[in-house]
Amino acid sequence: MNEIGALKAAVVGTGFIGVVHVDALRRLGIEVLGVVGSSPERARAKGIGSAYESLDAMLEDDRVDVVHLTTPNNLHYPQVKQALAYLERRAGKGGASSILFLPARGVSFDAWVNETQAVA
């Protein structure tokens, strides 16, 4: 996958920043497969894309190449851990993926690196 336009993305979070990320991805020519909101109803109500039922459902979508986490800071760390665990399972099946996330806040950098290296 050499062309940026060949990537397919999903966005977690449907607040202001989530909407900004969806718009930016589309402007880059990246297809946004769907969004995950605090509830599927809220995600659908935003009208910014198809709504996944949950983060798990989004992570199970093998078409997703890039995940943008645009949720509140306190949710980044557990969501990244969940995504990395999924990617590890997917890699074990011969697949691979990319993930983009916002930096964790309130977690020491060393703890973050140690945790992500253990999974990656």
C-alpha atoms as a PDB file:
ATOM      1  CA  MET A   1       0.000   0.000   0.000  1.00  0.00           C
ATOM      2  CA  ASN A   2       2.126   2.851  -1.261  1.00  0.00           C
ATOM      3  CA  GLU A   3      -0.569   5.354  -2.160  1.00  0.00           C
ATOM      4  CA  ILE A   4      -2.077   7.360   0.688  1.00  0.00           C
ATOM      5  CA  GLY A   5      -5.402   7.297  -1.140  1.00  0.00           C
ATOM      6  CA  ALA A   6      -5.393   3.491  -0.948  1.00  0.00           C
ATOM      7  CA  LEU A   7      -5.611   3.622   2.852  1.00  0.00           C
ATOM      8  CA  LYS A   8      -8.909   3.073   4.624  1.00  0.00           C
ATOM      9  CA  ALA A   9      -9.471   4.701   8.005  1.00  0.00           C
ATOM     10  CA  ALA A  10     -11.794   4.589  10.977  1.00  0.00           C
ATOM     11  CA  VAL A  11     -12.204   7.323  13.574  1.00  0.00           C
ATOM     12  CA  VAL A  12     -12.945   6.725  17.241  1.00  0.00           C
ATOM     13  CA  GLY A  13     -14.684   9.721  18.774  1.00  0.00           C
ATOM     14  CA  THR A  14     -17.421  11.851  17.273  1.00  0.00           C
ATOM     15  CA  GLY A  15     -16.834  15.130  19.064  1.00  0.00           C
ATOM     16  CA  PHE A  16     -15.350  18.242  17.486  1.00  0.00           C
ATOM     17  CA  ILE A  17     -11.901  16.701  16.915  1.00  0.00           C
ATOM     18  CA  GLY A  18     -13.399  13.510  15.476  1.00  0.00           C
ATOM     19  CA  VAL A  19     -15.303  15.547  12.903  1.00  0.00           C
ATOM     20  CA  VAL A  20     -12.113  17.466  12.054  1.00  0.00           C
ATOM     21  CA  HIS A  21     -10.195  14.196  11.526  1.00  0.00           C
ATOM     22  CA  VAL A  22     -12.923  12.732   9.303  1.00  0.00           C
ATOM     23  CA  ASP A  23     -12.885  15.889   7.185  1.00  0.00           C
ATOM     24  CA  ALA A  24      -9.072  15.951   6.960  1.00  0.00           C
ATOM     25  CA  LEU A  25      -8.903  12.280   5.968  1.00  0.00           C
ATOM     26  CA  ARG A  26     -11.466  12.790   3.220  1.00  0.00           C
ATOM     27  CA  ARG A  27      -9.598  15.855   1.937  1.00  0.00           C
ATOM     28  CA  LEU A  28      -6.504  13.652   1.633  1.00  0.00           C
ATOM     29  CA  GLY A  29      -8.495  11.177  -0.431  1.00  0.00           C
ATOM     30  CA  ILE A  30      -8.587   8.556   2.326  1.00  0.00           C
ATOM     31  CA  GLU A  31     -11.816   6.608   2.613  1.00  0.00           C
ATOM     32  CA  VAL A  32     -13.337   6.749   6.089  1.00  0.00           C
ATOM     33  CA  LEU A  33     -15.043   3.408   6.620  1.00  0.00           C
ATOM     34  CA  GLY A  34     -16.821   4.492   9.764  1.00  0.00           C
ATOM     35  CA  VAL A  35     -16.781   6.087  13.174  1.00  0.00           C
ATOM     36  CA  VAL A  36     -17.177   4.890  16.747  1.00  0.00           C
ATOM     37  CA  GLY A  37     -19.048   7.147  19.130  1.00  0.00           C
ATOM     38  CA  SER A  38     -19.951   6.904  22.790  1.00  0.00           C
ATOM     39  CA  SER A  39     -22.972   5.030  21.433  1.00  0.00           C
ATOM     40  CA  PRO A  40     -23.902   3.873  17.912  1.00  0.00           C
ATOM     41  CA  GLU A  41     -26.922   6.210  18.030  1.00  0.00           C
ATOM     42  CA  ARG A  42     -24.754   9.230  18.774  1.00  0.00           C
ATOM     43  CA  ALA A  43     -22.322   8.281  16.022  1.00  0.00           C
ATOM     44  CA  ARG A  44     -25.161   7.944  13.516  1.00  0.00           C
ATOM     45  CA  ALA A  45     -26.699  11.235  14.659  1.00  0.00           C
ATOM     46  CA  LYS A  46     -23.465  13.091  13.792  1.00  0.00           C
ATOM     47  CA  GLY A  47     -23.890  12.104  10.140  1.00  0.00           C
ATOM     48  CA  ILE A  48     -20.140  11.961   9.493  1.00  0.00           C
ATOM     49  CA  GLY A  49     -19.999   8.368   8.319  1.00  0.00           C
ATOM     50  CA  SER A  50     -21.174   4.853   8.948  1.00  0.00           C
ATOM     51  CA  ALA A  51     -21.312   3.982  12.624  1.00  0.00           C
ATOM     52  CA  TYR A  52     -19.620   0.950  14.118  1.00  0.00           C
ATOM     53  CA  GLU A  53     -21.487  -0.627  17.017  1.00  0.00           C
ATOM     54  CA  SER A  54     -18.373  -0.575  19.211  1.00  0.00           C
ATOM     55  CA  LEU A  55     -14.591  -0.223  19.247  1.00  0.00           C
ATOM     56  CA  ASP A  56     -14.362  -4.023  19.089  1.00  0.00           C
ATOM     57  CA  ALA A  57     -16.525  -4.092  15.968  1.00  0.00           C
ATOM     58  CA  MET A  58     -14.309  -1.472  14.319  1.00  0.00           C
ATOM     59  CA  LEU A  59     -11.142  -3.364  15.234  1.00  0.00           C
ATOM     60  CA  GLU A  60     -12.572  -6.555  13.737  1.00  0.00           C
ATOM     61  CA  ASP A  61     -13.062  -4.829  10.371  1.00  0.00           C
ATOM     62  CA  ASP A  62     -10.091  -6.128   8.370  1.00  0.00           C
ATOM     63  CA  ARG A  63     -10.514  -3.332   5.837  1.00  0.00           C
ATOM     64  CA  VAL A  64      -9.323  -0.715   8.361  1.00  0.00           C
ATOM     65  CA  ASP A  65      -5.692   0.309   7.824  1.00  0.00           C
ATOM     66  CA  VAL A  66      -5.521   3.389  10.046  1.00  0.00           C
ATOM     67  CA  VAL A  67      -7.300   4.197  13.300  1.00  0.00           C
ATOM     68  CA  HIS A  68      -7.595   7.762  14.583  1.00  0.00           C
ATOM     69  CA  LEU A  69      -8.349   8.008  18.301  1.00  0.00           C
ATOM     70  CA  THR A  70      -9.998  11.358  18.922  1.00  0.00           C
ATOM     71  CA  THR A  71     -11.562  10.546  22.256  1.00  0.00           C
ATOM     72  CA  PRO A  72     -10.966  12.313  25.583  1.00  0.00           C
ATOM     73  CA  ASN A  73      -7.403  11.973  26.880  1.00  0.00           C
ATOM     74  CA  ASN A  74      -8.332   9.619  29.722  1.00  0.00           C
ATOM     75  CA  LEU A  75      -9.547   7.050  27.169  1.00  0.00           C
ATOM     76  CA  HIS A  76      -6.448   7.041  24.929  1.00  0.00           C
ATOM     77  CA  TYR A  77      -4.332   4.616  26.923  1.00  0.00           C
ATOM     78  CA  PRO A  78      -6.907   1.797  27.304  1.00  0.00           C
ATOM     79  CA  GLN A  79      -8.046   2.233  23.700  1.00  0.00           C
ATOM     80  CA  VAL A  80      -4.489   2.093  22.378  1.00  0.00           C
ATOM     81  CA  LYS A  81      -3.826  -1.036  24.455  1.00  0.00           C
ATOM     82  CA  GLN A  82      -6.967  -2.607  23.028  1.00  0.00           C
ATOM     83  CA  ALA A  83      -6.017  -1.655  19.467  1.00  0.00           C
ATOM     84  CA  LEU A  84      -2.452  -2.925  19.846  1.00  0.00           C
ATOM     85  CA  ALA A  85      -3.693  -6.250  21.232  1.00  0.00           C
ATOM     86  CA  TYR A  86      -5.984  -6.568  18.220  1.00  0.00           C
ATOM     87  CA  LEU A  87      -3.156  -5.692  15.822  1.00  0.00           C
ATOM     88  CA  GLU A  88      -0.955  -8.315  17.438  1.00  0.00           C
ATOM     89  CA  ARG A  89      -3.633 -10.963  16.826  1.00  0.00           C
ATOM     90  CA  ARG A  90      -4.122  -9.712  13.270  1.00  0.00           C
ATOM     91  CA  ALA A  91      -0.372  -9.815  12.574  1.00  0.00           C
ATOM     92  CA  GLY A  92      -0.320 -13.407  13.819  1.00  0.00           C
ATOM     93  CA  LYS A  93      -2.795 -14.218  11.054  1.00  0.00           C
ATOM     94  CA  GLY A  94      -0.527 -12.706   8.407  1.00  0.00           C
ATOM     95  CA  GLY A  95      -2.165  -9.277   8.379  1.00  0.00           C
ATOM     96  CA  ALA A  96      -0.737  -5.918   9.296  1.00  0.00           C
ATOM     97  CA  SER A  97      -2.059  -2.473   9.957  1.00  0.00           C
ATOM     98  CA  SER A  98      -1.120   1.039  10.890  1.00  0.00           C
ATOM     99  CA  ILE A  99      -2.465   2.984  13.806  1.00  0.00           C
ATOM    100  CA  LEU A 100      -2.450   6.692  14.520  1.00  0.00           C
ATOM    101  CA  PHE A 101      -3.431   7.945  17.923  1.00  0.00           C
ATOM    102  CA  LEU A 102      -3.230  11.031  20.045  1.00  0.00           C
ATOM    103  CA  PRO A 103      -0.621  11.010  22.825  1.00  0.00           C
ATOM    104  CA  ALA A 104      -1.654   9.637  26.176  1.00  0.00           C
ATOM    105  CA  ARG A 105      -1.887  12.142  28.955  1.00  0.00           C
ATOM    106  CA  GLY A 106      -1.238  11.348  32.578  1.00  0.00           C
ATOM    107  CA  VAL A 107       0.842   8.284  31.759  1.00  0.00           C
ATOM    108  CA  SER A 108       4.586   8.414  32.091  1.00  0.00           C
ATOM    109  CA  PHE A 109       6.420   8.132  28.793  1.00  0.00           C
ATOM    110  CA  ASP A 110       8.533   5.215  30.049  1.00  0.00           C
ATOM    111  CA  ALA A 111       5.453   3.263  31.132  1.00  0.00           C
ATOM    112  CA  TRP A 112       3.845   3.981  27.776  1.00  0.00           C
ATOM    113  CA  VAL A 113       6.891   2.783  25.819  1.00  0.00           C
ATOM    114  CA  ASN A 114       7.309  -0.334  27.960  1.00  0.00           C
ATOM    115  CA  GLU A 115       3.640  -1.255  27.582  1.00  0.00           C
ATOM    116  CA  THR A 116       3.504  -0.697  23.824  1.00  0.00           C
ATOM    117  CA  GLN A 117       6.789  -2.526  23.204  1.00  0.00           C
ATOM    118  CA  ALA A 118       5.496  -5.502  25.123  1.00  0.00           C
ATOM    119  CA  VAL A 119       2.543  -5.732  22.735  1.00  0.00           C
ATOM    120  CA  ALA A 120       4.270  -4.688  19.499  1.00  0.00           C
END
